[in-house]
Amino acid sequence: MSLQDVLRPDVRAMHAYHVQDAAGHIKLDAMENPFSLPPALQAELGQRLGAVALNRYPGTRINDLHAALRRHAQVPEGYALVLGNGSDELISLLALACAQPGAKVLAPLPGFVMYEMSAKLQGLGFVGVALTSEFELDAAAMVAAIREHRPAITYLAYPNNPTANLWSDEALAQIVDAVAAEGCGLVVIDEAYQPFASKSYLARLTQHPHVLLMRTLSKFGLAGIRLGYLIGPQAIVAEVDKARPPYNVSVLNCEAALFALEHEAEFKRQAEVIKAERERLQVALATIPGIRAYPSQANMILVRVPDAAAVFKGLKDRGILIKNVSGMHPLLAHCVRLTVGLPQENDAMIAALQATLNPTAL
């Protein structure tokens, strides 16, 4: 037996999550908030973090973060929070908490890759249901899959990644009701991109005790601190919280998150600029022949181009890093994903895209 044989065959068959090297490029590949803190806030945050007791394990300060997030997210009475090292850890905790023999996770595809990866790592089956050709939920197919597979967890990203669209209220209701009718599991509404969306599921959350709401501070503007939170009925959240490692949120992450929530107005201002830039990009993309930009409710835009690999390379050669998603799912053939950046970054990206698609026009 070799050391390789000690490792699970399914793990050895997986591909690790790849992060592109962005050195020397305008980084528009990972749906990050492009704004840094204003200098005055940087200095204030630096003083706060410098005073944190790094020699101690995280303590009761985490309770202050829970309270701040409850106010920020307007968590309903009778509902509780569990915090994760980003949404990724919450997805893993949910899979771990629900990993009974034969249990399955269901999600529409194309979608966030971590739903499937976390399910498989925890030994759950994964069922993917294709979206329509226009990237809408196929509600009938989703309901049929729920009835057939009785998933322990059904994920619905709202807006979706990488397609950036919100689902219709009718389709959402059909899926939530189907899971309730089967009495088989949880529905997790993943609102990672909520700061840029026109709607949230929060107002409907208390109508369905089997529905959980997941959010993150990554798109709020704090991707680097890795903090996600899950909202749900106290009894369910208490069980998921048992699977959480102790001290999973560091004292630095906690203090940085509290600082950001105290300056929420600055991050809301940034989100408004990003939304305005998203609409400006949509107008510009609509003028470029031979491509199709899909509607977006997030800080990214999915674009179908003649040759995704050539567009990716052409933009990279011109100093712009985007995401080639054409190989993620058959429905994404010829598609790239553009993150909405700062105004000057978006101008550079549009110019590079035009030059890549029509080099003879220069």
Foldseek 3Di string as FASTA:
>chain_A
DDPVVVDDPVVVVDDDDDDDDQPQFAEWADQFLFDDDDPVLVVVLVVVLVPDDQVDFDDCLVVVLQVLVCVVVVFDPQKGKDKALAVLRLLLLLLLLPVDPLAEEEEEPPFDPSNCVSNVVNPHHYHYHYDPLLRARPLVSLLVCCVVRLHQEYEDEALTPPAQHGYDPVSVVSNLVSNVVVVRHAYEYEDQFVLQAPDDCNVVQVVHQRYKYKYACRNLRPVPQRMIMIMHRPVVVVSSNVSDDPSNRGPSSSSVSVSCSVVSVVSSVSSVQLNVLVVVLQVLVVPQPAKDWRDHSGQKIKMAHPALVLLQVQSVVLRHHHARCCPVDVSSNRITMTGRYHPVNSVSSSVSSNCSVCVVVD
